[in-house]
């Protein structure tokens, strides 16, 4: 069974200024490393349609989509602004809506491919990322919550009863948590640096919301700490939930070389985490996994970490 790979070219068109770390070069770094590592040829490269309004609105208020549409700069218009600033960290250019719809569409297409049995799992090299996008408004580099949209598609269209979302970005996935806080069909398991942007996730009432399995970790936590906490906390919760499919918010900014966080993971840690997730998926979900890129801003570390993650998914390591 193969691993599908989605990398829509439109995702390279979105950019927020030369100063911004969430740049199109992230996708080029991933592509270069996949080719250099010689695993690119083993992946099932697939096309990514744009998500529909219906797909987006299963997670987001219609106003969130309307906000992006209403403020989209006009490409090439004399005197027009190149960007519209949604918040201090998040802007859109003329191509941002197209990119965001392809990013969400890739996640949905990957979900369809995995659930059809055409592939066992999939990785989506997409941007803008998604896990900070709240149901009501974009934020934190994110426009629409790609992984949440895919998970809701699996629940509402394919009729799955239980799914899990794993988030290993250095920042807490506040948008994903908000989307599923009161939905027992979804178990969300995450670790993240704390205290750190967006300053959420550490104080959730686990009695009222037992489907939120958050592991706030101090700065400079390394792979030994992360592996121990995953083994002791994540894995028992995942096995108890028995997910029929697993979705991964795959952020690689907890790498020790990434300046946007202060954690100390390395490529081997991402490979290990991926293998643990795959073991859970093999036991409960027929191996079904869809992974979508979130953070990761040191280009070399990002490319190497994605290779480690994808090699594990494709069982090439």
C-alpha atoms as a PDB file:
ATOM      1  CA  UNK A   1       0.000   0.000   0.000  1.00  0.00           C
ATOM      2  CA  UNK A   2       1.378   3.409  -0.964  1.00  0.00           C
ATOM      3  CA  UNK A   3       1.699   6.818   0.668  1.00  0.00           C
ATOM      4  CA  UNK A   4      -0.012   9.626  -1.228  1.00  0.00           C
ATOM      5  CA  UNK A   5       1.703  12.992  -1.527  1.00  0.00           C
ATOM      6  CA  UNK A   6      -0.195  16.224  -2.148  1.00  0.00           C
ATOM      7  CA  UNK A   7       1.724  19.400  -2.989  1.00  0.00           C
ATOM      8  CA  UNK A   8      -0.558  21.807  -4.859  1.00  0.00           C
ATOM      9  CA  UNK A   9       1.452  24.415  -6.813  1.00  0.00           C
ATOM     10  CA  UNK A  10      -1.076  27.094  -5.822  1.00  0.00           C
ATOM     11  CA  UNK A  11       0.157  26.859  -2.225  1.00  0.00           C
ATOM     12  CA  UNK A  12       3.415  28.501  -3.337  1.00  0.00           C
ATOM     13  CA  UNK A  13       1.588  31.632  -4.491  1.00  0.00           C
ATOM     14  CA  UNK A  14       0.464  32.750  -1.044  1.00  0.00           C
ATOM     15  CA  UNK A  15       3.017  34.972   0.687  1.00  0.00           C
ATOM     16  CA  UNK A  16       2.932  37.623   3.382  1.00  0.00           C
ATOM     17  CA  UNK A  17       6.048  39.661   2.638  1.00  0.00           C
ATOM     18  CA  UNK A  18       9.761  38.940   2.329  1.00  0.00           C
ATOM     19  CA  UNK A  19      10.211  39.291   6.115  1.00  0.00           C
ATOM     20  CA  UNK A  20       7.670  36.609   6.983  1.00  0.00           C
ATOM     21  CA  UNK A  21       8.957  33.169   8.097  1.00  0.00           C
ATOM     22  CA  UNK A  22       5.876  31.387   6.729  1.00  0.00           C
ATOM     23  CA  UNK A  23       7.072  31.654   3.139  1.00  0.00           C
ATOM     24  CA  UNK A  24       6.799  29.698  -0.130  1.00  0.00           C
ATOM     25  CA  UNK A  25      10.429  28.595   0.284  1.00  0.00           C
ATOM     26  CA  UNK A  26       9.229  26.165   2.953  1.00  0.00           C
ATOM     27  CA  UNK A  27       7.603  24.008   0.291  1.00  0.00           C
ATOM     28  CA  UNK A  28      10.656  24.211  -1.945  1.00  0.00           C
ATOM     29  CA  UNK A  29      12.851  23.051   0.943  1.00  0.00           C
ATOM     30  CA  UNK A  30      10.587  20.042   1.479  1.00  0.00           C
ATOM     31  CA  UNK A  31      10.522  19.163  -2.213  1.00  0.00           C
ATOM     32  CA  UNK A  32      14.305  19.452  -2.487  1.00  0.00           C
ATOM     33  CA  UNK A  33      14.898  17.205   0.508  1.00  0.00           C
ATOM     34  CA  UNK A  34      12.418  14.568  -0.668  1.00  0.00           C
ATOM     35  CA  UNK A  35      14.238  14.417  -4.005  1.00  0.00           C
ATOM     36  CA  UNK A  36      17.705  14.469  -2.435  1.00  0.00           C
ATOM     37  CA  UNK A  37      16.752  11.650  -0.077  1.00  0.00           C
ATOM     38  CA  UNK A  38      15.509   9.600  -3.055  1.00  0.00           C
ATOM     39  CA  UNK A  39      12.124   8.847  -1.510  1.00  0.00           C
ATOM     40  CA  UNK A  40      10.165  11.203  -3.760  1.00  0.00           C
ATOM     41  CA  UNK A  41       9.882   8.454  -6.409  1.00  0.00           C
ATOM     42  CA  UNK A  42       8.217   6.081  -3.942  1.00  0.00           C
ATOM     43  CA  UNK A  43       5.320   8.449  -3.219  1.00  0.00           C
ATOM     44  CA  UNK A  44       1.987   8.488  -5.023  1.00  0.00           C
ATOM     45  CA  UNK A  45       1.817  12.097  -6.259  1.00  0.00           C
ATOM     46  CA  UNK A  46      -1.785  13.289  -6.500  1.00  0.00           C
ATOM     47  CA  UNK A  47      -3.691  16.377  -7.607  1.00  0.00           C
ATOM     48  CA  UNK A  48      -5.360  18.690  -5.102  1.00  0.00           C
ATOM     49  CA  UNK A  49      -8.732  20.227  -5.967  1.00  0.00           C
ATOM     50  CA  UNK A  50      -9.943  23.332  -4.174  1.00  0.00           C
ATOM     51  CA  UNK A  51     -12.167  22.865  -1.150  1.00  0.00           C
ATOM     52  CA  UNK A  52     -15.761  23.990  -1.554  1.00  0.00           C
ATOM     53  CA  UNK A  53     -17.554  26.473   0.663  1.00  0.00           C
ATOM     54  CA  UNK A  54     -19.511  23.568   2.133  1.00  0.00           C
ATOM     55  CA  UNK A  55     -16.303  21.833   3.213  1.00  0.00           C
ATOM     56  CA  UNK A  56     -14.917  25.004   4.789  1.00  0.00           C
ATOM     57  CA  UNK A  57     -18.164  25.869   6.539  1.00  0.00           C
ATOM     58  CA  UNK A  58     -18.394  22.513   8.314  1.00  0.00           C
ATOM     59  CA  UNK A  59     -15.698  23.929  10.603  1.00  0.00           C
ATOM     60  CA  UNK A  60     -15.759  27.694  10.075  1.00  0.00           C
ATOM     61  CA  UNK A  61     -18.442  30.302  10.401  1.00  0.00           C
ATOM     62  CA  UNK A  62     -19.356  31.620   6.937  1.00  0.00           C
ATOM     63  CA  UNK A  63     -18.018  34.986   8.107  1.00  0.00           C
ATOM     64  CA  UNK A  64     -14.474  33.590   8.237  1.00  0.00           C
ATOM     65  CA  UNK A  65     -14.544  32.702   4.554  1.00  0.00           C
ATOM     66  CA  UNK A  66     -16.323  35.960   3.717  1.00  0.00           C
ATOM     67  CA  UNK A  67     -13.594  37.935   5.517  1.00  0.00           C
ATOM     68  CA  UNK A  68     -10.864  36.509   3.295  1.00  0.00           C
ATOM     69  CA  UNK A  69     -12.917  36.951   0.130  1.00  0.00           C
ATOM     70  CA  UNK A  70     -13.893  40.521   0.951  1.00  0.00           C
ATOM     71  CA  UNK A  71     -10.341  41.721   1.576  1.00  0.00           C
ATOM     72  CA  UNK A  72      -8.435  39.857  -1.109  1.00  0.00           C
ATOM     73  CA  UNK A  73      -6.040  42.316  -2.795  1.00  0.00           C
ATOM     74  CA  UNK A  74      -6.365  42.678  -6.545  1.00  0.00           C
ATOM     75  CA  UNK A  75      -3.396  41.236  -8.439  1.00  0.00           C
ATOM     76  CA  UNK A  76      -1.519  43.810 -10.473  1.00  0.00           C
ATOM     77  CA  UNK A  77      -3.948  46.678  -9.971  1.00  0.00           C
ATOM     78  CA  UNK A  78      -2.189  50.037 -10.091  1.00  0.00           C
ATOM     79  CA  UNK A  79      -1.947  51.563  -6.641  1.00  0.00           C
ATOM     80  CA  UNK A  80      -3.501  48.535  -4.933  1.00  0.00           C
ATOM     81  CA  UNK A  81      -2.136  47.206  -1.670  1.00  0.00           C
ATOM     82  CA  UNK A  82      -0.100  44.028  -2.008  1.00  0.00           C
ATOM     83  CA  UNK A  83      -1.397  42.655   1.284  1.00  0.00           C
ATOM     84  CA  UNK A  84      -4.352  42.878   3.618  1.00  0.00           C
ATOM     85  CA  UNK A  85      -3.416  42.411   7.275  1.00  0.00           C
ATOM     86  CA  UNK A  86      -5.828  40.195   9.202  1.00  0.00           C
ATOM     87  CA  UNK A  87      -3.706  40.337  12.344  1.00  0.00           C
ATOM     88  CA  UNK A  88      -0.113  41.258  13.150  1.00  0.00           C
ATOM     89  CA  UNK A  89       1.110  37.829  12.020  1.00  0.00           C
ATOM     90  CA  UNK A  90      -1.363  37.013   9.261  1.00  0.00           C
ATOM     91  CA  UNK A  91      -1.799  38.735   5.910  1.00  0.00           C
ATOM     92  CA  UNK A  92      -3.249  37.772   2.546  1.00  0.00           C
ATOM     93  CA  UNK A  93      -2.163  38.568  -0.987  1.00  0.00           C
ATOM     94  CA  UNK A  94      -4.036  38.236  -4.257  1.00  0.00           C
ATOM     95  CA  UNK A  95      -3.470  34.470  -4.362  1.00  0.00           C
ATOM     96  CA  UNK A  96      -4.068  33.583  -0.720  1.00  0.00           C
ATOM     97  CA  UNK A  97      -7.649  32.388  -1.078  1.00  0.00           C
ATOM     98  CA  UNK A  98      -6.703  30.079  -3.961  1.00  0.00           C
ATOM     99  CA  UNK A  99      -3.799  28.696  -1.943  1.00  0.00           C
ATOM    100  CA  UNK A 100      -5.888  28.192   1.197  1.00  0.00           C
ATOM    101  CA  UNK A 101      -8.680  26.441  -0.702  1.00  0.00           C
ATOM    102  CA  UNK A 102      -6.144  24.118  -2.342  1.00  0.00           C
ATOM    103  CA  UNK A 103      -4.543  23.420   1.059  1.00  0.00           C
ATOM    104  CA  UNK A 104      -7.883  22.439   2.583  1.00  0.00           C
ATOM    105  CA  UNK A 105      -8.843  20.635  -0.622  1.00  0.00           C
ATOM    106  CA  UNK A 106      -5.683  18.545  -0.462  1.00  0.00           C
ATOM    107  CA  UNK A 107      -6.550  17.452   3.073  1.00  0.00           C
ATOM    108  CA  UNK A 108     -10.056  16.466   1.980  1.00  0.00           C
ATOM    109  CA  UNK A 109      -8.814  14.688  -1.162  1.00  0.00           C
ATOM    110  CA  UNK A 110      -6.275  12.798   0.948  1.00  0.00           C
ATOM    111  CA  UNK A 111      -9.063  11.757   3.313  1.00  0.00           C
ATOM    112  CA  UNK A 112     -11.132  10.462   0.401  1.00  0.00           C
ATOM    113  CA  UNK A 113      -8.161   8.555  -1.046  1.00  0.00           C
ATOM    114  CA  UNK A 114      -7.294   6.920   2.268  1.00  0.00           C
ATOM    115  CA  UNK A 115     -10.870   5.989   3.101  1.00  0.00           C
ATOM    116  CA  UNK A 116     -11.424   4.568  -0.382  1.00  0.00           C
ATOM    117  CA  UNK A 117      -8.482   2.226   0.148  1.00  0.00           C
ATOM    118  CA  UNK A 118      -6.528   3.668  -2.771  1.00  0.00           C
ATOM    119  CA  UNK A 119      -3.648   4.508  -0.415  1.00  0.00           C
ATOM    120  CA  UNK A 120      -2.921   3.648   3.198  1.00  0.00           C
ATOM    121  CA  UNK A 121      -1.856   7.109   4.300  1.00  0.00           C
ATOM    122  CA  UNK A 122      -1.032  10.545   2.932  1.00  0.00           C
ATOM    123  CA  UNK A 123       1.098  13.612   3.550  1.00  0.00           C
ATOM    124  CA  UNK A 124      -0.040  17.045   2.395  1.00  0.00           C
ATOM    125  CA  UNK A 125       2.756  19.590   1.848  1.00  0.00           C
ATOM    126  CA  UNK A 126       0.444  22.600   2.009  1.00  0.00           C
ATOM    127  CA  UNK A 127       0.337  26.187   3.157  1.00  0.00           C
ATOM    128  CA  UNK A 128      -1.020  28.359   4.586  1.00  0.00           C
ATOM    129  CA  UNK A 129      -1.048  26.138   7.671  1.00  0.00           C
ATOM    130  CA  UNK A 130      -4.259  25.654   9.594  1.00  0.00           C
ATOM    131  CA  UNK A 131      -4.262  24.713  13.252  1.00  0.00           C
ATOM    132  CA  UNK A 132      -4.494  28.262  14.643  1.00  0.00           C
ATOM    133  CA  UNK A 133      -7.461  29.187  12.432  1.00  0.00           C
ATOM    134  CA  UNK A 134     -10.424  29.507  14.764  1.00  0.00           C
ATOM    135  CA  UNK A 135     -13.950  28.668  13.607  1.00  0.00           C
ATOM    136  CA  UNK A 136     -14.766  32.377  13.617  1.00  0.00           C
ATOM    137  CA  UNK A 137     -11.597  34.018  12.282  1.00  0.00           C
ATOM    138  CA  UNK A 138      -8.165  33.335  10.735  1.00  0.00           C
ATOM    139  CA  UNK A 139      -5.113  33.894  12.939  1.00  0.00           C
ATOM    140  CA  UNK A 140      -1.498  32.928  13.525  1.00  0.00           C
ATOM    141  CA  UNK A 141      -0.350  32.458   9.890  1.00  0.00           C
ATOM    142  CA  UNK A 142      -3.505  30.337   9.271  1.00  0.00           C
ATOM    143  CA  UNK A 143      -6.605  31.040   7.165  1.00  0.00           C
ATOM    144  CA  UNK A 144      -8.644  27.820   7.279  1.00  0.00           C
ATOM    145  CA  UNK A 145      -8.096  24.827   9.544  1.00  0.00           C
ATOM    146  CA  UNK A 146      -7.030  22.187   7.032  1.00  0.00           C
ATOM    147  CA  UNK A 147      -6.830  19.235   9.414  1.00  0.00           C
ATOM    148  CA  UNK A 148     -10.108  20.092  11.154  1.00  0.00           C
ATOM    149  CA  UNK A 149     -11.847  20.374   7.764  1.00  0.00           C
ATOM    150  CA  UNK A 150     -10.501  16.961   6.773  1.00  0.00           C
ATOM    151  CA  UNK A 151     -11.537  15.380  10.072  1.00  0.00           C
ATOM    152  CA  UNK A 152     -15.042  16.827   9.818  1.00  0.00           C
ATOM    153  CA  UNK A 153     -15.273  15.536   6.235  1.00  0.00           C
ATOM    154  CA  UNK A 154     -14.456  12.040   7.492  1.00  0.00           C
ATOM    155  CA  UNK A 155     -17.132  12.313  10.181  1.00  0.00           C
ATOM    156  CA  UNK A 156     -19.926  14.004   8.283  1.00  0.00           C
ATOM    157  CA  UNK A 157     -19.449  12.688   4.733  1.00  0.00           C
ATOM    158  CA  UNK A 158     -17.906   9.265   5.304  1.00  0.00           C
ATOM    159  CA  UNK A 159     -19.817   8.573   8.508  1.00  0.00           C
ATOM    160  CA  UNK A 160     -16.899   7.701  10.773  1.00  0.00           C
ATOM    161  CA  UNK A 161     -17.804   7.605  14.449  1.00  0.00           C
ATOM    162  CA  UNK A 162     -14.412   8.287  16.031  1.00  0.00           C
ATOM    163  CA  UNK A 163     -11.271  10.015  14.779  1.00  0.00           C
ATOM    164  CA  UNK A 164      -8.120  11.312  16.451  1.00  0.00           C
ATOM    165  CA  UNK A 165      -6.110  14.437  15.715  1.00  0.00           C
ATOM    166  CA  UNK A 166      -2.442  14.449  16.711  1.00  0.00           C
ATOM    167  CA  UNK A 167      -0.714  17.838  16.840  1.00  0.00           C
ATOM    168  CA  UNK A 168       3.045  17.974  17.415  1.00  0.00           C
ATOM    169  CA  UNK A 169       3.679  21.595  16.440  1.00  0.00           C
ATOM    170  CA  UNK A 170       5.628  23.691  18.961  1.00  0.00           C
ATOM    171  CA  UNK A 171       2.558  25.953  19.234  1.00  0.00           C
ATOM    172  CA  UNK A 172      -0.751  24.753  20.633  1.00  0.00           C
ATOM    173  CA  UNK A 173      -3.421  24.158  17.984  1.00  0.00           C
ATOM    174  CA  UNK A 174      -5.972  26.471  19.528  1.00  0.00           C
ATOM    175  CA  UNK A 175      -8.204  26.586  16.460  1.00  0.00           C
ATOM    176  CA  UNK A 176      -8.479  22.810  16.296  1.00  0.00           C
ATOM    177  CA  UNK A 177      -9.194  22.593  20.014  1.00  0.00           C
ATOM    178  CA  UNK A 178     -11.926  25.209  19.734  1.00  0.00           C
ATOM    179  CA  UNK A 179     -13.512  23.393  16.789  1.00  0.00           C
ATOM    180  CA  UNK A 180     -13.763  20.054  18.616  1.00  0.00           C
ATOM    181  CA  UNK A 181     -13.803  20.970  22.304  1.00  0.00           C
ATOM    182  CA  UNK A 182     -17.342  19.665  22.739  1.00  0.00           C
ATOM    183  CA  UNK A 183     -17.238  16.871  20.155  1.00  0.00           C
ATOM    184  CA  UNK A 184     -16.579  13.474  21.785  1.00  0.00           C
ATOM    185  CA  UNK A 185     -16.127  11.892  18.350  1.00  0.00           C
ATOM    186  CA  UNK A 186     -12.733  13.613  18.147  1.00  0.00           C
ATOM    187  CA  UNK A 187      -9.811  12.947  20.468  1.00  0.00           C
ATOM    188  CA  UNK A 188      -7.164  15.655  20.141  1.00  0.00           C
ATOM    189  CA  UNK A 189      -3.721  14.797  21.496  1.00  0.00           C
ATOM    190  CA  UNK A 190      -1.040  17.464  21.417  1.00  0.00           C
ATOM    191  CA  UNK A 191       2.182  18.618  22.964  1.00  0.00           C
ATOM    192  CA  UNK A 192       3.438  22.177  22.771  1.00  0.00           C
ATOM    193  CA  UNK A 193       5.815  24.600  24.400  1.00  0.00           C
ATOM    194  CA  UNK A 194       4.223  26.440  27.333  1.00  0.00           C
ATOM    195  CA  UNK A 195       3.962  29.271  28.135  1.00  0.00           C
ATOM    196  CA  UNK A 196       4.120  30.271  24.489  1.00  0.00           C
ATOM    197  CA  UNK A 197       1.956  31.609  21.659  1.00  0.00           C
ATOM    198  CA  UNK A 198      -1.063  31.347  21.489  1.00  0.00           C
ATOM    199  CA  UNK A 199      -1.102  30.849  25.291  1.00  0.00           C
ATOM    200  CA  UNK A 200      -3.898  28.273  25.199  1.00  0.00           C
ATOM    201  CA  UNK A 201      -4.291  24.578  25.883  1.00  0.00           C
ATOM    202  CA  UNK A 202      -2.709  24.314  29.299  1.00  0.00           C
ATOM    203  CA  UNK A 203      -5.797  25.021  31.380  1.00  0.00           C
ATOM    204  CA  UNK A 204      -8.553  23.027  29.680  1.00  0.00           C
ATOM    205  CA  UNK A 205     -10.946  21.352  32.129  1.00  0.00           C
ATOM    206  CA  UNK A 206     -10.113  17.712  31.407  1.00  0.00           C
ATOM    207  CA  UNK A 207     -13.145  16.532  33.379  1.00  0.00           C
ATOM    208  CA  UNK A 208     -15.520  18.568  31.229  1.00  0.00           C
ATOM    209  CA  UNK A 209     -13.493  17.919  28.052  1.00  0.00           C
ATOM    210  CA  UNK A 210     -11.832  14.501  28.323  1.00  0.00           C
ATOM    211  CA  UNK A 211     -11.304  14.424  24.549  1.00  0.00           C
ATOM    212  CA  UNK A 212      -8.567  17.047  24.871  1.00  0.00           C
ATOM    213  CA  UNK A 213      -5.234  15.431  25.765  1.00  0.00           C
ATOM    214  CA  UNK A 214      -2.827  18.345  26.056  1.00  0.00           C
ATOM    215  CA  UNK A 215       0.827  18.075  27.078  1.00  0.00           C
ATOM    216  CA  UNK A 216       2.184  21.573  27.814  1.00  0.00           C
ATOM    217  CA  UNK A 217       5.975  21.289  28.044  1.00  0.00           C
ATOM    218  CA  UNK A 218       8.590  23.805  29.178  1.00  0.00           C
ATOM    219  CA  UNK A 219      11.069  25.412  26.818  1.00  0.00           C
ATOM    220  CA  UNK A 220      14.127  23.317  25.980  1.00  0.00           C
ATOM    221  CA  UNK A 221      12.280  20.026  26.410  1.00  0.00           C
ATOM    222  CA  UNK A 222      14.001  17.370  24.329  1.00  0.00           C
ATOM    223  CA  UNK A 223      13.034  14.131  22.684  1.00  0.00           C
ATOM    224  CA  UNK A 224      13.470  12.104  25.863  1.00  0.00           C
ATOM    225  CA  UNK A 225      10.794  14.142  27.652  1.00  0.00           C
ATOM    226  CA  UNK A 226       8.451  14.104  24.654  1.00  0.00           C
ATOM    227  CA  UNK A 227       8.789  10.341  24.161  1.00  0.00           C
ATOM    228  CA  UNK A 228       8.109   9.635  27.821  1.00  0.00           C
ATOM    229  CA  UNK A 229       5.004  11.830  27.914  1.00  0.00           C
ATOM    230  CA  UNK A 230       3.652  10.393  24.668  1.00  0.00           C
ATOM    231  CA  UNK A 231       4.128   6.856  25.980  1.00  0.00           C
ATOM    232  CA  UNK A 232       2.526   7.606  29.344  1.00  0.00           C
ATOM    233  CA  UNK A 233      -0.325   9.907  28.269  1.00  0.00           C
ATOM    234  CA  UNK A 234      -1.045   9.989  24.545  1.00  0.00           C
ATOM    235  CA  UNK A 235      -0.911   6.307  23.753  1.00  0.00           C
ATOM    236  CA  UNK A 236      -3.286   5.067  26.494  1.00  0.00           C
ATOM    237  CA  UNK A 237      -5.795   7.779  25.544  1.00  0.00           C
ATOM    238  CA  UNK A 238      -5.558   6.916  21.846  1.00  0.00           C
ATOM    239  CA  UNK A 239      -6.037   3.207  22.446  1.00  0.00           C
ATOM    240  CA  UNK A 240      -9.017   3.910  24.694  1.00  0.00           C
ATOM    241  CA  UNK A 241     -10.599   6.113  22.001  1.00  0.00           C
ATOM    242  CA  UNK A 242     -10.096   3.486  19.255  1.00  0.00           C
ATOM    243  CA  UNK A 243     -10.008   5.997  16.351  1.00  0.00           C
ATOM    244  CA  UNK A 244     -11.184   4.817  12.963  1.00  0.00           C
ATOM    245  CA  UNK A 245      -8.813   7.298  11.320  1.00  0.00           C
ATOM    246  CA  UNK A 246      -5.961   9.499  12.516  1.00  0.00           C
ATOM    247  CA  UNK A 247      -5.184  13.026  11.351  1.00  0.00           C
ATOM    248  CA  UNK A 248      -1.835  14.689  12.045  1.00  0.00           C
ATOM    249  CA  UNK A 249      -1.119  18.398  12.351  1.00  0.00           C
ATOM    250  CA  UNK A 250       2.537  17.972  11.468  1.00  0.00           C
ATOM    251  CA  UNK A 251       4.457  20.986  12.675  1.00  0.00           C
ATOM    252  CA  UNK A 252       8.243  20.725  12.755  1.00  0.00           C
ATOM    253  CA  UNK A 253       9.077  23.926  14.633  1.00  0.00           C
ATOM    254  CA  UNK A 254       9.824  22.028  17.852  1.00  0.00           C
ATOM    255  CA  UNK A 255      13.125  21.102  16.158  1.00  0.00           C
ATOM    256  CA  UNK A 256      16.188  22.308  18.047  1.00  0.00           C
ATOM    257  CA  UNK A 257      17.341  24.377  15.042  1.00  0.00           C
ATOM    258  CA  UNK A 258      14.067  26.295  14.664  1.00  0.00           C
ATOM    259  CA  UNK A 259      14.178  29.837  16.024  1.00  0.00           C
ATOM    260  CA  UNK A 260      10.388  30.189  16.278  1.00  0.00           C
ATOM    261  CA  UNK A 261      10.355  27.807  19.241  1.00  0.00           C
ATOM    262  CA  UNK A 262      12.649  26.739  22.044  1.00  0.00           C
ATOM    263  CA  UNK A 263      12.220  22.980  22.073  1.00  0.00           C
ATOM    264  CA  UNK A 264      14.924  20.471  21.216  1.00  0.00           C
ATOM    265  CA  UNK A 265      13.530  17.740  18.979  1.00  0.00           C
ATOM    266  CA  UNK A 266      15.517  16.195  16.125  1.00  0.00           C
ATOM    267  CA  UNK A 267      14.587  14.180  13.055  1.00  0.00           C
ATOM    268  CA  UNK A 268      14.770  10.858  14.910  1.00  0.00           C
ATOM    269  CA  UNK A 269      12.113  12.098  17.330  1.00  0.00           C
ATOM    270  CA  UNK A 270       9.700  12.885  14.504  1.00  0.00           C
ATOM    271  CA  UNK A 271      10.292   9.430  13.010  1.00  0.00           C
ATOM    272  CA  UNK A 272       9.645   7.827  16.411  1.00  0.00           C
ATOM    273  CA  UNK A 273       6.434   9.821  16.965  1.00  0.00           C
ATOM    274  CA  UNK A 274       5.217   8.862  13.499  1.00  0.00           C
ATOM    275  CA  UNK A 275       5.857   5.185  14.145  1.00  0.00           C
ATOM    276  CA  UNK A 276       3.878   5.325  17.408  1.00  0.00           C
ATOM    277  CA  UNK A 277       0.951   6.924  15.600  1.00  0.00           C
ATOM    278  CA  UNK A 278       1.172   4.306  12.860  1.00  0.00           C
ATOM    279  CA  UNK A 279       1.038   1.514  15.416  1.00  0.00           C
ATOM    280  CA  UNK A 280      -2.179   2.948  16.871  1.00  0.00           C
ATOM    281  CA  UNK A 281      -3.606   3.370  13.367  1.00  0.00           C
ATOM    282  CA  UNK A 282      -2.690  -0.208  12.478  1.00  0.00           C
ATOM    283  CA  UNK A 283      -4.501  -1.551  15.544  1.00  0.00           C
ATOM    284  CA  UNK A 284      -7.675   0.522  15.377  1.00  0.00           C
ATOM    285  CA  UNK A 285      -7.938   2.343  12.036  1.00  0.00           C
ATOM    286  CA  UNK A 286      -6.769  -0.033   9.329  1.00  0.00           C
ATOM    287  CA  UNK A 287      -3.597   2.073   9.047  1.00  0.00           C
ATOM    288  CA  UNK A 288      -5.547   5.142   7.885  1.00  0.00           C
ATOM    289  CA  UNK A 289      -3.616   8.393   8.438  1.00  0.00           C
ATOM    290  CA  UNK A 290      -3.706  11.835   6.822  1.00  0.00           C
ATOM    291  CA  UNK A 291      -0.925  14.243   7.787  1.00  0.00           C
ATOM    292  CA  UNK A 292      -0.841  17.951   6.928  1.00  0.00           C
ATOM    293  CA  UNK A 293       2.041  20.371   7.248  1.00  0.00           C
ATOM    294  CA  UNK A 294       1.752  23.031   9.927  1.00  0.00           C
ATOM    295  CA  UNK A 295       4.850  24.903  11.207  1.00  0.00           C
ATOM    296  CA  UNK A 296       8.576  24.518  10.649  1.00  0.00           C
ATOM    297  CA  UNK A 297      10.642  27.555   9.655  1.00  0.00           C
ATOM    298  CA  UNK A 298      14.303  26.611   9.630  1.00  0.00           C
ATOM    299  CA  UNK A 299      14.399  25.405   6.035  1.00  0.00           C
ATOM    300  CA  UNK A 300      17.082  22.762   6.443  1.00  0.00           C
ATOM    301  CA  UNK A 301      15.570  21.326   9.633  1.00  0.00           C
ATOM    302  CA  UNK A 302      12.102  21.428   8.078  1.00  0.00           C
ATOM    303  CA  UNK A 303      13.135  19.495   4.992  1.00  0.00           C
ATOM    304  CA  UNK A 304      15.030  16.874   6.970  1.00  0.00           C
ATOM    305  CA  UNK A 305      12.215  16.464   9.481  1.00  0.00           C
ATOM    306  CA  UNK A 306       9.555  16.033   6.792  1.00  0.00           C
ATOM    307  CA  UNK A 307      11.743  13.386   5.156  1.00  0.00           C
ATOM    308  CA  UNK A 308      11.943  11.527   8.479  1.00  0.00           C
ATOM    309  CA  UNK A 309       8.155  11.773   8.902  1.00  0.00           C
ATOM    310  CA  UNK A 310       7.318  10.703   5.355  1.00  0.00           C
ATOM    311  CA  UNK A 311       9.884   7.878   5.348  1.00  0.00           C
ATOM    312  CA  UNK A 312       8.155   6.501   8.445  1.00  0.00           C
ATOM    313  CA  UNK A 313       4.700   6.861   6.880  1.00  0.00           C
ATOM    314  CA  UNK A 314       5.889   5.066   3.720  1.00  0.00           C
ATOM    315  CA  UNK A 315       7.796   2.480   5.788  1.00  0.00           C
ATOM    316  CA  UNK A 316      11.027   3.314   3.998  1.00  0.00           C
ATOM    317  CA  UNK A 317      13.172   3.731   7.107  1.00  0.00           C
END
